[in-house]
């Protein structure tokens, strides 16, 4: 199950929850109002061999 961010419509609290993909809203842990799923930034780091920097970049002579 993925981790999603939810924002409370009442108090504005943003929280992360491990929920099913089809979950649209949860109960706010701070005020118990409805918290809706929001779109947030994600980041990842490519580690190990075989990625663009290691295996596919053109080499200058």
N, C-alpha and C. Protein backbone atom coordinates (compact mmCIF):
# COMPACT_ATOMS: atom_id res chain seq x y z
N UNK A 1 0.84 -1.19 0.00
CA UNK A 1 0.00 0.00 0.00
C UNK A 1 0.89 1.25 0.00
N UNK A 2 0.52 2.25 -0.78
CA UNK A 2 1.32 3.48 -0.85
C UNK A 2 0.99 4.47 0.27
N UNK A 3 1.89 5.40 0.49
CA UNK A 3 1.69 6.47 1.46
C UNK A 3 1.17 7.69 0.70
N UNK A 4 0.07 8.27 1.17
CA UNK A 4 -0.52 9.46 0.56
C UNK A 4 -0.61 10.57 1.59
N UNK A 5 -0.65 11.83 1.10
CA UNK A 5 -0.86 12.98 1.97
C UNK A 5 -2.32 13.38 1.90
N UNK A 6 -2.85 13.75 3.07
CA UNK A 6 -4.22 14.20 3.19
C UNK A 6 -4.23 15.55 3.89
N UNK A 7 -5.12 16.46 3.44
CA UNK A 7 -5.25 17.77 4.06
C UNK A 7 -6.65 17.92 4.61
N UNK A 8 -6.74 18.33 5.88
CA UNK A 8 -8.02 18.52 6.55
C UNK A 8 -8.72 19.74 5.98
N UNK A 9 -10.01 19.61 5.70
CA UNK A 9 -10.78 20.72 5.16
C UNK A 9 -11.16 21.72 6.24
N UNK A 10 -11.07 21.31 7.50
CA UNK A 10 -11.46 22.17 8.61
C UNK A 10 -10.28 22.93 9.21
N UNK A 11 -9.24 22.20 9.65
CA UNK A 11 -8.13 22.85 10.36
C UNK A 11 -6.88 23.03 9.50
N UNK A 12 -6.82 22.40 8.31
CA UNK A 12 -5.67 22.56 7.42
C UNK A 12 -4.50 21.65 7.72
N UNK A 13 -4.63 20.77 8.68
CA UNK A 13 -3.58 19.82 9.04
C UNK A 13 -3.27 18.90 7.85
N UNK A 14 -1.98 18.74 7.54
CA UNK A 14 -1.55 17.82 6.49
C UNK A 14 -0.92 16.61 7.17
N UNK A 15 -1.37 15.42 6.79
CA UNK A 15 -0.87 14.20 7.40
C UNK A 15 -0.61 13.15 6.34
N UNK A 16 0.32 12.25 6.61
CA UNK A 16 0.62 11.14 5.70
C UNK A 16 0.01 9.88 6.27
N UNK A 17 -0.58 9.06 5.39
CA UNK A 17 -1.18 7.81 5.82
C UNK A 17 -0.87 6.71 4.82
N UNK A 18 -0.70 5.51 5.31
CA UNK A 18 -0.51 4.33 4.49
C UNK A 18 -1.91 3.76 4.25
N UNK A 19 -2.45 3.96 3.03
CA UNK A 19 -3.82 3.57 2.72
C UNK A 19 -3.90 2.92 1.34
N UNK A 20 -5.03 2.31 1.06
CA UNK A 20 -5.27 1.75 -0.27
C UNK A 20 -5.32 2.86 -1.30
N UNK A 21 -5.00 2.52 -2.56
CA UNK A 21 -4.96 3.52 -3.64
C UNK A 21 -6.30 4.18 -3.88
N UNK A 22 -7.40 3.48 -3.66
CA UNK A 22 -8.71 4.03 -3.96
C UNK A 22 -9.30 4.85 -2.80
N UNK A 23 -8.55 5.09 -1.74
CA UNK A 23 -9.02 5.89 -0.60
C UNK A 23 -9.06 7.36 -1.00
N UNK A 24 -10.21 7.99 -0.87
CA UNK A 24 -10.38 9.40 -1.26
C UNK A 24 -10.21 10.35 -0.08
N UNK A 25 -10.61 9.92 1.12
CA UNK A 25 -10.52 10.77 2.29
C UNK A 25 -10.36 9.91 3.54
N UNK A 26 -9.87 10.56 4.60
CA UNK A 26 -9.71 9.92 5.90
C UNK A 26 -10.22 10.88 6.97
N UNK A 27 -10.24 10.42 8.21
CA UNK A 27 -10.61 11.29 9.32
C UNK A 27 -9.34 11.99 9.82
N UNK A 28 -9.39 13.29 9.97
CA UNK A 28 -8.24 14.07 10.44
C UNK A 28 -7.84 13.61 11.84
N UNK A 29 -6.54 13.32 12.06
CA UNK A 29 -6.10 12.90 13.39
C UNK A 29 -6.13 14.01 14.43
N UNK A 30 -6.19 15.27 13.97
CA UNK A 30 -6.16 16.41 14.90
C UNK A 30 -7.57 16.81 15.35
N UNK A 31 -8.52 16.92 14.40
CA UNK A 31 -9.85 17.43 14.75
C UNK A 31 -10.99 16.48 14.38
N UNK A 32 -10.68 15.36 13.74
CA UNK A 32 -11.66 14.33 13.36
C UNK A 32 -12.60 14.76 12.24
N UNK A 33 -12.29 15.85 11.54
CA UNK A 33 -13.08 16.25 10.37
C UNK A 33 -12.58 15.48 9.15
N UNK A 34 -13.17 15.71 8.00
CA UNK A 34 -12.80 15.01 6.76
C UNK A 34 -11.50 15.60 6.20
N UNK A 35 -10.56 14.73 5.87
CA UNK A 35 -9.29 15.14 5.25
C UNK A 35 -9.23 14.50 3.87
N UNK A 36 -9.04 15.30 2.84
CA UNK A 36 -9.03 14.82 1.46
C UNK A 36 -7.61 14.60 0.95
N UNK A 37 -7.48 13.65 0.03
CA UNK A 37 -6.19 13.33 -0.57
C UNK A 37 -5.72 14.52 -1.41
N UNK A 38 -4.43 14.85 -1.28
CA UNK A 38 -3.86 15.95 -2.07
C UNK A 38 -2.73 15.42 -2.93
N UNK A 39 -2.40 16.14 -3.97
CA UNK A 39 -1.27 15.80 -4.83
C UNK A 39 -0.04 16.47 -4.24
N UNK A 40 0.99 15.68 -4.03
CA UNK A 40 2.21 16.22 -3.42
C UNK A 40 3.41 15.83 -4.25
N UNK A 41 4.52 16.49 -3.99
CA UNK A 41 5.77 16.20 -4.69
C UNK A 41 6.31 14.86 -4.25
N UNK A 42 7.00 14.20 -5.13
CA UNK A 42 7.66 12.96 -4.75
C UNK A 42 9.12 13.05 -5.19
N UNK A 43 9.94 12.25 -4.58
CA UNK A 43 11.36 12.23 -4.91
C UNK A 43 11.87 10.81 -4.83
N UNK A 44 12.84 10.50 -5.66
CA UNK A 44 13.48 9.20 -5.59
C UNK A 44 14.91 9.34 -6.04
N UNK A 45 15.73 8.40 -5.66
CA UNK A 45 17.15 8.44 -5.95
C UNK A 45 17.52 7.14 -6.65
N UNK A 46 18.07 7.24 -7.85
CA UNK A 46 18.50 6.05 -8.59
C UNK A 46 19.86 5.63 -8.09
N UNK A 47 19.95 4.43 -7.55
CA UNK A 47 21.21 3.93 -7.01
C UNK A 47 21.59 2.65 -7.72
N UNK A 48 22.88 2.40 -7.80
CA UNK A 48 23.36 1.17 -8.42
C UNK A 48 23.72 1.38 -9.87
N UNK A 49 24.25 0.36 -10.48
CA UNK A 49 24.66 0.45 -11.87
C UNK A 49 23.49 0.26 -12.84
N UNK A 50 23.71 0.64 -14.07
CA UNK A 50 22.72 0.43 -15.11
C UNK A 50 21.77 1.57 -15.35
N UNK A 51 21.86 2.65 -14.62
CA UNK A 51 20.99 3.80 -14.84
C UNK A 51 21.65 4.73 -15.85
N UNK A 52 21.01 5.79 -16.19
CA UNK A 52 21.46 6.70 -17.24
C UNK A 52 22.90 7.16 -17.03
N UNK A 53 23.22 7.60 -15.83
CA UNK A 53 24.56 8.13 -15.59
C UNK A 53 25.65 7.07 -15.75
N UNK A 54 25.33 5.82 -15.47
CA UNK A 54 26.33 4.75 -15.55
C UNK A 54 26.38 4.09 -16.93
N UNK A 55 25.22 3.74 -17.46
CA UNK A 55 25.22 2.88 -18.62
C UNK A 55 24.81 3.50 -19.94
N UNK A 56 24.13 4.64 -19.92
CA UNK A 56 23.58 5.16 -21.15
C UNK A 56 24.13 6.51 -21.58
N UNK A 57 24.85 7.17 -20.73
CA UNK A 57 25.38 8.50 -21.07
C UNK A 57 26.48 8.34 -22.12
N UNK A 58 26.50 9.28 -23.07
CA UNK A 58 27.57 9.22 -24.08
C UNK A 58 28.89 9.63 -23.44
N UNK A 59 29.93 8.95 -23.80
CA UNK A 59 31.24 9.25 -23.23
C UNK A 59 32.00 10.17 -24.18
N UNK A 60 32.60 11.23 -23.60
CA UNK A 60 33.38 12.16 -24.41
C UNK A 60 34.79 11.60 -24.60
N UNK A 61 35.28 11.71 -25.81
CA UNK A 61 36.65 11.21 -26.13
C UNK A 61 37.69 12.26 -25.90
